[in-house]
PDB file of all heavy atoms in Angstrom:
ATOM      1  N   PHE A   1     146.490 114.994  67.849  1.00  0.00           N
ATOM      2  CA  PHE A   1     146.024 113.867  67.041  1.00  0.00           C
ATOM      3  C   PHE A   1     145.122 114.326  65.896  1.00  0.00           C
ATOM      4  O   PHE A   1     145.245 113.837  64.767  1.00  0.00           O
ATOM      5  CB  PHE A   1     145.301 112.849  67.923  1.00  0.00           C
ATOM      6  CG  PHE A   1     146.214 111.827  68.530  1.00  0.00           C
ATOM      7  CD1 PHE A   1     146.853 112.062  69.742  1.00  0.00           C
ATOM      8  CD2 PHE A   1     146.467 110.624  67.888  1.00  0.00           C
ATOM      9  CE1 PHE A   1     147.710 111.122  70.303  1.00  0.00           C
ATOM     10  CE2 PHE A   1     147.317 109.674  68.434  1.00  0.00           C
ATOM     11  CZ  PHE A   1     147.942 109.923  69.649  1.00  0.00           C
ATOM     12  N   CYS A   2     144.204 115.255  66.165  1.00  0.00           N
ATOM     13  CA  CYS A   2     143.332 115.760  65.101  1.00  0.00           C
ATOM     14  C   CYS A   2     144.136 116.512  64.045  1.00  0.00           C
ATOM     15  O   CYS A   2     143.929 116.328  62.835  1.00  0.00           O
ATOM     16  CB  CYS A   2     142.249 116.662  65.685  1.00  0.00           C
ATOM     17  SG  CYS A   2     141.008 115.801  66.679  1.00  0.00           S
ATOM     18  N   ALA A   3     145.059 117.383  64.498  1.00  0.00           N
ATOM     19  CA  ALA A   3     145.883 118.133  63.559  1.00  0.00           C
ATOM     20  C   ALA A   3     146.781 117.205  62.755  1.00  0.00           C
ATOM     21  O   ALA A   3     146.998 117.407  61.550  1.00  0.00           O
ATOM     22  CB  ALA A   3     146.717 119.169  64.314  1.00  0.00           C
ATOM     23  N   MET A   4     147.311 116.159  63.420  1.00  0.00           N
ATOM     24  CA  MET A   4     148.157 115.201  62.727  1.00  0.00           C
ATOM     25  C   MET A   4     147.384 114.487  61.624  1.00  0.00           C
ATOM     26  O   MET A   4     147.893 114.298  60.504  1.00  0.00           O
ATOM     27  CB  MET A   4     148.711 114.180  63.713  1.00  0.00           C
ATOM     28  CG  MET A   4     149.537 113.065  63.093  1.00  0.00           C
ATOM     29  SD  MET A   4     149.970 111.785  64.299  1.00  0.00           S
ATOM     30  CE  MET A   4     148.335 111.091  64.655  1.00  0.00           C
ATOM     31  N   ALA A   5     146.146 114.097  61.910  1.00  0.00           N
ATOM     32  CA  ALA A   5     145.330 113.420  60.907  1.00  0.00           C
ATOM     33  C   ALA A   5     145.070 114.330  59.708  1.00  0.00           C
ATOM     34  O   ALA A   5     145.171 113.899  58.550  1.00  0.00           O
ATOM     35  CB  ALA A   5     144.005 112.960  61.521  1.00  0.00           C
ATOM     36  N   ILE A   6     144.752 115.586  59.969  1.00  0.00           N
ATOM     37  CA  ILE A   6     144.491 116.527  58.878  1.00  0.00           C
ATOM     38  C   ILE A   6     145.754 116.750  58.043  1.00  0.00           C
ATOM     39  O   ILE A   6     145.713 116.728  56.808  1.00  0.00           O
ATOM     40  CB  ILE A   6     143.969 117.865  59.432  1.00  0.00           C
ATOM     41  CG1 ILE A   6     142.571 117.675  60.032  1.00  0.00           C
ATOM     42  CG2 ILE A   6     143.928 118.927  58.341  1.00  0.00           C
ATOM     43  CD1 ILE A   6     142.032 118.897  60.742  1.00  0.00           C
ATOM     44  N   ALA A   7     146.886 116.949  58.721  1.00  0.00           N
ATOM     45  CA  ALA A   7     148.132 117.192  58.001  1.00  0.00           C
ATOM     46  C   ALA A   7     148.556 115.979  57.175  1.00  0.00           C
ATOM     47  O   ALA A   7     148.915 116.096  55.998  1.00  0.00           O
ATOM     48  CB  ALA A   7     149.234 117.567  58.996  1.00  0.00           C
ATOM     49  N   LEU A   8     148.491 114.798  57.796  1.00  0.00           N
ATOM     50  CA  LEU A   8     148.896 113.585  57.083  1.00  0.00           C
ATOM     51  C   LEU A   8     147.936 113.290  55.937  1.00  0.00           C
ATOM     52  O   LEU A   8     148.365 112.897  54.841  1.00  0.00           O
ATOM     53  CB  LEU A   8     148.941 112.410  58.051  1.00  0.00           C
ATOM     54  CG  LEU A   8     149.449 111.078  57.487  1.00  0.00           C
ATOM     55  CD1 LEU A   8     150.842 111.227  56.901  1.00  0.00           C
ATOM     56  CD2 LEU A   8     149.435 110.007  58.577  1.00  0.00           C
ATOM     57  N   GLY A   9     146.636 113.491  56.170  1.00  0.00           N
ATOM     58  CA  GLY A   9     145.663 113.283  55.101  1.00  0.00           C
ATOM     59  C   GLY A   9     145.899 114.218  53.930  1.00  0.00           C
ATOM     60  O   GLY A   9     145.751 113.827  52.765  1.00  0.00           O
ATOM     61  N   THR A  10     146.295 115.464  54.221  1.00  0.00           N
ATOM     62  CA  THR A  10     146.575 116.427  53.158  1.00  0.00           C
ATOM     63  C   THR A  10     147.781 115.993  52.339  1.00  0.00           C
ATOM     64  O   THR A  10     147.764 116.056  51.099  1.00  0.00           O
ATOM     65  CB  THR A  10     146.821 117.820  53.763  1.00  0.00           C
ATOM     66  OG1 THR A  10     145.656 118.222  54.502  1.00  0.00           O
ATOM     67  CG2 THR A  10     147.114 118.841  52.682  1.00  0.00           C
ATOM     68  N   VAL A  11     148.828 115.544  53.011  1.00  0.00           N
ATOM     69  CA  VAL A  11     150.020 115.079  52.297  1.00  0.00           C
ATOM     70  C   VAL A  11     149.697 113.860  51.443  1.00  0.00           C
ATOM     71  O   VAL A  11     150.044 113.787  50.259  1.00  0.00           O
ATOM     72  CB  VAL A  11     151.156 114.753  53.290  1.00  0.00           C
ATOM     73  CG1 VAL A  11     152.321 114.072  52.572  1.00  0.00           C
ATOM     74  CG2 VAL A  11     151.634 116.016  53.990  1.00  0.00           C
ATOM     75  N   LEU A  12     148.995 112.892  52.027  1.00  0.00           N
ATOM     76  CA  LEU A  12     148.703 111.649  51.316  1.00  0.00           C
ATOM     77  C   LEU A  12     147.730 111.860  50.165  1.00  0.00           C
ATOM     78  O   LEU A  12     147.742 111.084  49.197  1.00  0.00           O
ATOM     79  CB  LEU A  12     148.142 110.609  52.285  1.00  0.00           C
ATOM     80  CG  LEU A  12     149.104 110.136  53.380  1.00  0.00           C
ATOM     81  CD1 LEU A  12     148.434 109.085  54.263  1.00  0.00           C
ATOM     82  CD2 LEU A  12     150.388 109.570  52.774  1.00  0.00           C
ATOM     83  N   SER A  13     146.887 112.891  50.244  1.00  0.00           N
ATOM     84  CA  SER A  13     145.956 113.160  49.147  1.00  0.00           C
ATOM     85  C   SER A  13     146.692 113.563  47.872  1.00  0.00           C
ATOM     86  O   SER A  13     146.142 113.475  46.765  1.00  0.00           O
ATOM     87  CB  SER A  13     144.968 114.260  49.548  1.00  0.00           C
ATOM     88  OG  SER A  13     145.611 115.521  49.649  1.00  0.00           O
ATOM     89  N   ASN A  14     147.931 114.017  48.031  1.00  0.00           N
ATOM     90  CA  ASN A  14     148.739 114.401  46.866  1.00  0.00           C
ATOM     91  C   ASN A  14     149.667 113.281  46.395  1.00  0.00           C
ATOM     92  O   ASN A  14     150.392 113.455  45.424  1.00  0.00           O
ATOM     93  CB  ASN A  14     149.571 115.644  47.199  1.00  0.00           C
ATOM     94  CG  ASN A  14     148.705 116.869  47.409  1.00  0.00           C
ATOM     95  OD1 ASN A  14     147.982 117.288  46.516  1.00  0.00           O
ATOM     96  ND2 ASN A  14     148.745 117.435  48.597  1.00  0.00           N
ATOM     97  N   LEU A  15     149.640 112.155  47.109  1.00  0.00           N
ATOM     98  CA  LEU A  15     150.428 110.987  46.710  1.00  0.00           C
ATOM     99  C   LEU A  15     149.484 109.982  46.081  1.00  0.00           C
ATOM    100  O   LEU A  15     148.733 109.292  46.771  1.00  0.00           O
ATOM    101  CB  LEU A  15     151.153 110.387  47.918  1.00  0.00           C
ATOM    102  CG  LEU A  15     152.132 111.311  48.640  1.00  0.00           C
ATOM    103  CD1 LEU A  15     152.749 110.601  49.835  1.00  0.00           C
ATOM    104  CD2 LEU A  15     153.219 111.781  47.686  1.00  0.00           C
ATOM    105  N   LYS A  16     149.502 109.906  44.776  1.00  0.00           N
ATOM    106  CA  LYS A  16     148.517 109.116  44.043  1.00  0.00           C
ATOM    107  C   LYS A  16     149.112 107.780  43.599  1.00  0.00           C
ATOM    108  O   LYS A  16     150.150 107.742  42.937  1.00  0.00           O
ATOM    109  CB  LYS A  16     148.002 109.908  42.841  1.00  0.00           C
ATOM    110  CG  LYS A  16     147.267 111.193  43.254  1.00  0.00           C
ATOM    111  CD  LYS A  16     146.839 112.008  42.066  1.00  0.00           C
ATOM    112  CE  LYS A  16     145.952 113.173  42.486  1.00  0.00           C
ATOM    113  NZ  LYS A  16     146.569 114.075  43.456  1.00  0.00           N
ATOM    114  N   ILE A  17     148.434 106.709  44.012  1.00  0.00           N
ATOM    115  CA  ILE A  17     148.851 105.375  43.593  1.00  0.00           C
ATOM    116  C   ILE A  17     148.547 105.157  42.112  1.00  0.00           C
ATOM    117  O   ILE A  17     149.337 104.564  41.374  1.00  0.00           O
ATOM    118  CB  ILE A  17     148.123 104.307  44.438  1.00  0.00           C
ATOM    119  CG1 ILE A  17     148.481 104.464  45.920  1.00  0.00           C
ATOM    120  CG2 ILE A  17     148.466 102.898  43.954  1.00  0.00           C
ATOM    121  CD1 ILE A  17     147.700 103.535  46.832  1.00  0.00           C
ATOM    122  N   TYR A  18     147.376 105.665  41.695  1.00  0.00           N
ATOM    123  CA  TYR A  18     146.975 105.488  40.297  1.00  0.00           C
ATOM    124  C   TYR A  18     146.017 106.611  39.923  1.00  0.00           C
ATOM    125  O   TYR A  18     145.149 106.986  40.702  1.00  0.00           O
ATOM    126  CB  TYR A  18     146.289 104.130  40.107  1.00  0.00           C
ATOM    127  CG  TYR A  18     145.836 103.873  38.683  1.00  0.00           C
ATOM    128  CD1 TYR A  18     146.746 103.501  37.692  1.00  0.00           C
ATOM    129  CD2 TYR A  18     144.495 104.013  38.326  1.00  0.00           C
ATOM    130  CE1 TYR A  18     146.335 103.271  36.395  1.00  0.00           C
ATOM    131  CE2 TYR A  18     144.078 103.782  37.021  1.00  0.00           C
ATOM    132  CZ  TYR A  18     145.004 103.410  36.069  1.00  0.00           C
ATOM    133  OH  TYR A  18     144.596 103.194  34.769  1.00  0.00           O
ATOM    134  N   GLU A  19     146.191 107.145  38.715  1.00  0.00           N
ATOM    135  CA  GLU A  19     145.288 108.154  38.177  1.00  0.00           C
ATOM    136  C   GLU A  19     144.532 107.566  37.002  1.00  0.00           C
ATOM    137  O   GLU A  19     145.143 107.038  36.064  1.00  0.00           O
ATOM    138  CB  GLU A  19     146.060 109.403  37.752  1.00  0.00           C
ATOM    139  CG  GLU A  19     146.694 110.154  38.911  1.00  0.00           C
ATOM    140  CD  GLU A  19     147.227 111.523  38.496  1.00  0.00           C
ATOM    141  OE1 GLU A  19     146.425 112.324  37.974  1.00  0.00           O
ATOM    142  OE2 GLU A  19     148.423 111.759  38.675  1.00  0.00           O
ATOM    143  N   PHE A  20     143.215 107.638  37.047  1.00  0.00           N
ATOM    144  CA  PHE A  20     142.396 107.107  35.966  1.00  0.00           C
ATOM    145  C   PHE A  20     142.442 108.047  34.763  1.00  0.00           C
ATOM    146  O   PHE A  20     142.473 109.277  34.928  1.00  0.00           O
ATOM    147  CB  PHE A  20     140.956 106.911  36.441  1.00  0.00           C
ATOM    148  CG  PHE A  20     140.810 105.845  37.481  1.00  0.00           C
ATOM    149  CD1 PHE A  20     140.772 106.172  38.841  1.00  0.00           C
ATOM    150  CD2 PHE A  20     140.727 104.510  37.117  1.00  0.00           C
ATOM    151  CE1 PHE A  20     140.640 105.190  39.804  1.00  0.00           C
ATOM    152  CE2 PHE A  20     140.596 103.515  38.081  1.00  0.00           C
ATOM    153  CZ  PHE A  20     140.555 103.854  39.426  1.00  0.00           C
ATOM    154  N   PRO A  21     142.441 107.498  33.561  1.00  0.00           N
ATOM    155  CA  PRO A  21     142.541 108.352  32.363  1.00  0.00           C
ATOM    156  C   PRO A  21     141.369 109.306  32.192  1.00  0.00           C
ATOM    157  O   PRO A  21     141.509 110.362  31.571  1.00  0.00           O
ATOM    158  CB  PRO A  21     142.605 107.336  31.208  1.00  0.00           C
ATOM    159  CG  PRO A  21     142.050 106.066  31.770  1.00  0.00           C
ATOM    160  CD  PRO A  21     142.410 106.067  33.216  1.00  0.00           C
ATOM    161  N   PHE A  22     140.202 108.975  32.737  1.00  0.00           N
ATOM    162  CA  PHE A  22     139.027 109.821  32.602  1.00  0.00           C
ATOM    163  C   PHE A  22     138.878 110.779  33.776  1.00  0.00           C
ATOM    164  O   PHE A  22     137.921 111.546  33.860  1.00  0.00           O
ATOM    165  CB  PHE A  22     137.770 108.958  32.484  1.00  0.00           C
ATOM    166  CG  PHE A  22     137.651 107.893  33.538  1.00  0.00           C
ATOM    167  CD1 PHE A  22     137.216 108.202  34.815  1.00  0.00           C
ATOM    168  CD2 PHE A  22     138.007 106.594  33.258  1.00  0.00           C
ATOM    169  CE1 PHE A  22     137.122 107.229  35.790  1.00  0.00           C
ATOM    170  CE2 PHE A  22     137.911 105.604  34.232  1.00  0.00           C
ATOM    171  CZ  PHE A  22     137.465 105.920  35.499  1.00  0.00           C
ATOM    172  N   GLY A  23     139.821 110.745  34.727  1.00  0.00           N
ATOM    173  CA  GLY A  23     139.762 111.618  35.900  1.00  0.00           C
ATOM    174  C   GLY A  23     139.580 110.834  37.180  1.00  0.00           C
ATOM    175  O   GLY A  23     139.091 109.703  37.174  1.00  0.00           O
ATOM    176  N   GLY A  24     139.986 111.433  38.282  1.00  0.00           N
ATOM    177  CA  GLY A  24     139.921 110.744  39.569  1.00  0.00           C
ATOM    178  C   GLY A  24     141.174 109.913  39.787  1.00  0.00           C
ATOM    179  O   GLY A  24     141.871 109.541  38.824  1.00  0.00           O
ATOM    180  N   SER A  25     141.473 109.633  41.047  1.00  0.00           N
ATOM    181  CA  SER A  25     142.696 108.908  41.362  1.00  0.00           C
ATOM    182  C   SER A  25     142.547 108.150  42.669  1.00  0.00           C
ATOM    183  O   SER A  25     141.663 108.434  43.488  1.00  0.00           O
ATOM    184  CB  SER A  25     143.883 109.877  41.454  1.00  0.00           C
ATOM    185  OG  SER A  25     143.661 110.837  42.476  1.00  0.00           O
ATOM    186  N   ILE A  26     143.432 107.178  42.842  1.00  0.00           N
ATOM    187  CA  ILE A  26     143.545 106.454  44.104  1.00  0.00           C
ATOM    188  C   ILE A  26     144.697 107.073  44.878  1.00  0.00           C
ATOM    189  O   ILE A  26     145.839 107.055  44.424  1.00  0.00           O
ATOM    190  CB  ILE A  26     143.825 104.955  43.864  1.00  0.00           C
ATOM    191  CG1 ILE A  26     142.725 104.332  42.998  1.00  0.00           C
ATOM    192  CG2 ILE A  26     143.948 104.214  45.185  1.00  0.00           C
ATOM    193  CD1 ILE A  26     143.025 102.893  42.595  1.00  0.00           C
ATOM    194  N   THR A  27     144.405 107.650  46.028  1.00  0.00           N
ATOM    195  CA  THR A  27     145.461 108.265  46.827  1.00  0.00           C
ATOM    196  C   THR A  27     146.032 107.248  47.812  1.00  0.00           C
ATOM    197  O   THR A  27     145.513 106.131  47.944  1.00  0.00           O
ATOM    198  CB  THR A  27     144.936 109.486  47.601  1.00  0.00           C
ATOM    199  OG1 THR A  27     144.037 109.041  48.631  1.00  0.00           O
ATOM    200  CG2 THR A  27     144.209 110.442  46.675  1.00  0.00           C
ATOM    201  N   LEU A  28     147.066 107.651  48.503  1.00  0.00           N
ATOM    202  CA  LEU A  28     147.735 106.760  49.449  1.00  0.00           C
ATOM    203  C   LEU A  28     147.000 106.781  50.794  1.00  0.00           C
ATOM    204  O   LEU A  28     147.478 107.345  51.774  1.00  0.00           O
ATOM    205  CB  LEU A  28     149.204 107.161  49.617  1.00  0.00           C
ATOM    206  CG  LEU A  28     150.106 106.156  50.344  1.00  0.00           C
ATOM    207  CD1 LEU A  28     150.158 104.830  49.586  1.00  0.00           C
ATOM    208  CD2 LEU A  28     151.506 106.734  50.512  1.00  0.00           C
ATOM    209  N   PHE A  29     145.782 106.235  50.804  1.00  0.00           N
ATOM    210  CA  PHE A  29     144.985 106.050  52.019  1.00  0.00           C
ATOM    211  C   PHE A  29     144.590 107.369  52.697  1.00  0.00           C
ATOM    212  O   PHE A  29     144.396 107.404  53.915  1.00  0.00           O
ATOM    213  CB  PHE A  29     145.728 105.162  53.025  1.00  0.00           C
ATOM    214  CG  PHE A  29     146.225 103.873  52.440  1.00  0.00           C
ATOM    215  CD1 PHE A  29     147.591 103.620  52.338  1.00  0.00           C
ATOM    216  CD2 PHE A  29     145.333 102.914  51.971  1.00  0.00           C
ATOM    217  CE1 PHE A  29     148.058 102.431  51.786  1.00  0.00           C
ATOM    218  CE2 PHE A  29     145.795 101.719  51.416  1.00  0.00           C
ATOM    219  CZ  PHE A  29     147.154 101.481  51.328  1.00  0.00           C
ATOM    220  N   SER A  30     144.443 108.442  51.932  1.00  0.00           N
ATOM    221  CA  SER A  30     144.118 109.730  52.555  1.00  0.00           C
ATOM    222  C   SER A  30     142.740 109.705  53.222  1.00  0.00           C
ATOM    223  O   SER A  30     142.549 110.297  54.296  1.00  0.00           O
ATOM    224  CB  SER A  30     144.187 110.859  51.523  1.00  0.00           C
ATOM    225  OG  SER A  30     143.220 110.680  50.498  1.00  0.00           O
ATOM    226  N   MET A  31     141.757 109.037  52.603  1.00  0.00           N
ATOM    227  CA  MET A  31     140.420 109.004  53.215  1.00  0.00           C
ATOM    228  C   MET A  31     140.427 108.230  54.533  1.00  0.00           C
ATOM    229  O   MET A  31     139.722 108.592  55.477  1.00  0.00           O
ATOM    230  CB  MET A  31     139.408 108.396  52.239  1.00  0.00           C
ATOM    231  CG  MET A  31     139.089 109.279  51.050  1.00  0.00           C
ATOM    232  SD  MET A  31     137.651 108.695  50.090  1.00  0.00           S
ATOM    233  CE  MET A  31     138.257 107.126  49.442  1.00  0.00           C
ATOM    234  N   LEU A  32     141.228 107.181  54.600  1.00  0.00           N
ATOM    235  CA  LEU A  32     141.340 106.416  55.847  1.00  0.00           C
ATOM    236  C   LEU A  32     141.859 107.301  56.975  1.00  0.00           C
ATOM    237  O   LEU A  32     141.344 107.268  58.102  1.00  0.00           O
ATOM    238  CB  LEU A  32     142.266 105.223  55.649  1.00  0.00           C
ATOM    239  CG  LEU A  32     142.620 104.422  56.916  1.00  0.00           C
ATOM    240  CD1 LEU A  32     141.372 103.804  57.530  1.00  0.00           C
ATOM    241  CD2 LEU A  32     143.658 103.356  56.598  1.00  0.00           C
ATOM    242  N   ILE A  33     142.859 108.102  56.684  1.00  0.00           N
ATOM    243  CA  ILE A  33     143.455 108.961  57.707  1.00  0.00           C
ATOM    244  C   ILE A  33     142.439 109.972  58.232  1.00  0.00           C
ATOM    245  O   ILE A  33     142.359 110.230  59.439  1.00  0.00           O
ATOM    246  CB  ILE A  33     144.696 109.681  57.150  1.00  0.00           C
ATOM    247  CG1 ILE A  33     145.754 108.668  56.708  1.00  0.00           C
ATOM    248  CG2 ILE A  33     145.273 110.643  58.178  1.00  0.00           C
ATOM    249  CD1 ILE A  33     146.217 107.731  57.795  1.00  0.00           C
ATOM    250  N   ILE A  34     141.612 110.532  57.337  1.00  0.00           N
ATOM    251  CA  ILE A  34     140.623 111.519  57.768  1.00  0.00           C
ATOM    252  C   ILE A  34     139.478 110.856  58.522  1.00  0.00           C
ATOM    253  O   ILE A  34     138.766 111.512  59.294  1.00  0.00           O
ATOM    254  CB  ILE A  34     140.110 112.325  56.555  1.00  0.00           C
ATOM    255  CG1 ILE A  34     141.288 113.021  55.868  1.00  0.00           C
ATOM    256  CG2 ILE A  34     139.096 113.371  56.978  1.00  0.00           C
ATOM    257  CD1 ILE A  34     142.107 113.924  56.785  1.00  0.00           C
ATOM    258  N   CYS A  35     139.305 109.557  58.344  1.00  0.00           N
ATOM    259  CA  CYS A  35     138.299 108.828  59.126  1.00  0.00           C
ATOM    260  C   CYS A  35     138.763 108.551  60.551  1.00  0.00           C
ATOM    261  O   CYS A  35     137.936 108.232  61.426  1.00  0.00           O
ATOM    262  CB  CYS A  35     137.971 107.490  58.445  1.00  0.00           C
ATOM    263  SG  CYS A  35     136.931 107.629  56.978  1.00  0.00           S
ATOM    264  N   LEU A  36     140.048 108.647  60.817  1.00  0.00           N
ATOM    265  CA  LEU A  36     140.572 108.245  62.117  1.00  0.00           C
ATOM    266  C   LEU A  36     140.070 109.090  63.295  1.00  0.00           C
ATOM    267  O   LEU A  36     139.768 108.532  64.354  1.00  0.00           O
ATOM    268  CB  LEU A  36     142.109 108.242  62.090  1.00  0.00           C
ATOM    269  CG  LEU A  36     142.748 107.125  61.264  1.00  0.00           C
ATOM    270  CD1 LEU A  36     144.268 107.265  61.267  1.00  0.00           C
ATOM    271  CD2 LEU A  36     142.335 105.754  61.787  1.00  0.00           C
TER     272      LEU A  36
END
């Protein structure tokens, strides 16, 4: 379960819903997964 959360969070961190023009982005719930 811990390894799954890390792996899924890593994948989702590279899937960006939106990238702000000045930098930073909204990922596909990667922070939520690492909180699990």
